[in-house]
Amino acid sequence: MSIINQLAELGSQKMGVTVDELVAAESFDDLGLDSLALLEFNVAIQKSYAISLEDEEIAPEHSLRDVAELVETRKASDLHV
């Protein structure tokens, strides 16, 4: 399963939107998600992938694709530490 699909499943569980809605959305703001939902998603990502993310790295103007790129980058950089 690709990272974007994994994140979509996780986000769907945490944010109460469908996987299809998350994948298709241009931004989390388009889905009407508030900062608390994004914070919960951020924490879930950190636990699932054992990476560190700042709260502002997942913001309303970001999309699931943005987050997937961030997670992939962070995972790759953590491997080289």
Protein backbone atom coordinates (compact mmCIF):
# COMPACT_ATOMS: atom_id res chain seq x y z
CA MET A 1 0.00 0.00 0.00
CA SER A 2 1.38 3.41 -0.93
CA ILE A 3 2.08 6.00 1.72
CA ILE A 4 -0.70 8.26 0.43
CA ASN A 5 -3.19 5.40 0.77
CA GLN A 6 -1.93 4.60 4.26
CA LEU A 7 -2.28 8.26 5.26
CA ALA A 8 -5.73 8.44 3.69
CA GLU A 9 -6.87 5.47 5.78
CA LEU A 10 -5.37 6.97 8.93
CA GLY A 11 -6.80 10.40 8.17
CA SER A 12 -10.22 8.98 7.45
CA GLN A 13 -10.29 7.33 10.87
CA LYS A 14 -9.04 10.44 12.69
CA MET A 15 -10.86 13.20 10.79
CA GLY A 16 -14.22 11.72 9.91
CA VAL A 17 -13.97 12.14 6.15
CA THR A 18 -13.79 9.44 3.50
CA VAL A 19 -10.59 8.21 1.93
CA ASP A 20 -11.80 9.45 -1.46
CA GLU A 21 -12.51 12.92 -0.06
CA LEU A 22 -9.03 13.13 1.44
CA VAL A 23 -7.28 12.01 -1.73
CA ALA A 24 -9.28 14.34 -3.98
CA ALA A 25 -9.13 17.48 -1.82
CA GLU A 26 -6.88 20.35 -2.85
CA SER A 27 -6.42 21.20 0.84
CA PHE A 28 -7.61 20.18 4.28
CA ASP A 29 -9.38 23.54 4.44
CA ASP A 30 -11.53 22.47 1.46
CA LEU A 31 -12.80 19.64 3.67
CA GLY A 32 -13.66 22.02 6.49
CA LEU A 33 -11.18 20.40 8.87
CA ASP A 34 -10.26 22.42 11.93
CA SER A 35 -6.92 22.73 13.69
CA LEU A 36 -7.85 20.13 16.31
CA ALA A 37 -8.55 17.52 13.62
CA LEU A 38 -5.21 18.29 11.98
CA LEU A 39 -3.41 18.10 15.32
CA GLU A 40 -4.93 14.67 15.98
CA PHE A 41 -3.91 13.56 12.48
CA ASN A 42 -0.38 14.86 13.09
CA VAL A 43 -0.08 12.90 16.35
CA ALA A 44 -1.40 9.75 14.68
CA ILE A 45 1.15 10.11 11.88
CA GLN A 46 3.99 10.56 14.35
CA LYS A 47 2.96 7.43 16.24
CA SER A 48 2.38 5.34 13.10
CA TYR A 49 5.61 6.29 11.37
CA ALA A 50 7.87 6.99 14.39
CA ILE A 51 8.82 10.42 13.07
CA SER A 52 8.71 13.92 14.53
CA LEU A 53 6.53 16.61 12.98
CA GLU A 54 5.89 20.16 14.15
CA ASP A 55 2.26 21.19 14.53
CA GLU A 56 2.52 23.77 11.73
CA GLU A 57 3.84 21.20 9.25
CA ILE A 58 0.28 19.97 8.74
CA ALA A 59 -1.84 23.06 8.17
CA PRO A 60 -5.26 23.76 6.61
CA GLU A 61 -3.69 24.91 3.34
CA HIS A 62 -1.85 21.59 2.90
CA SER A 63 -3.20 18.54 1.11
CA LEU A 64 -2.82 14.84 1.77
CA ARG A 65 -0.24 14.74 -1.02
CA ASP A 66 1.78 17.46 0.75
CA VAL A 67 1.72 15.41 3.94
CA ALA A 68 2.70 12.23 2.09
CA GLU A 69 5.74 14.01 0.62
CA LEU A 70 6.66 15.34 4.06
CA VAL A 71 6.38 11.90 5.67
CA GLU A 72 8.44 10.27 2.92
CA THR A 73 11.13 12.93 3.26
CA ARG A 74 11.19 12.70 7.03
CA LYS A 75 11.35 8.90 6.98
CA ALA A 76 14.23 9.00 4.49
CA SER A 77 16.16 11.58 6.52
CA ASP A 78 15.64 9.59 9.73
CA LEU A 79 17.21 6.56 8.07
CA HIS A 80 20.40 8.54 7.47
CA VAL A 81 20.80 9.77 11.04
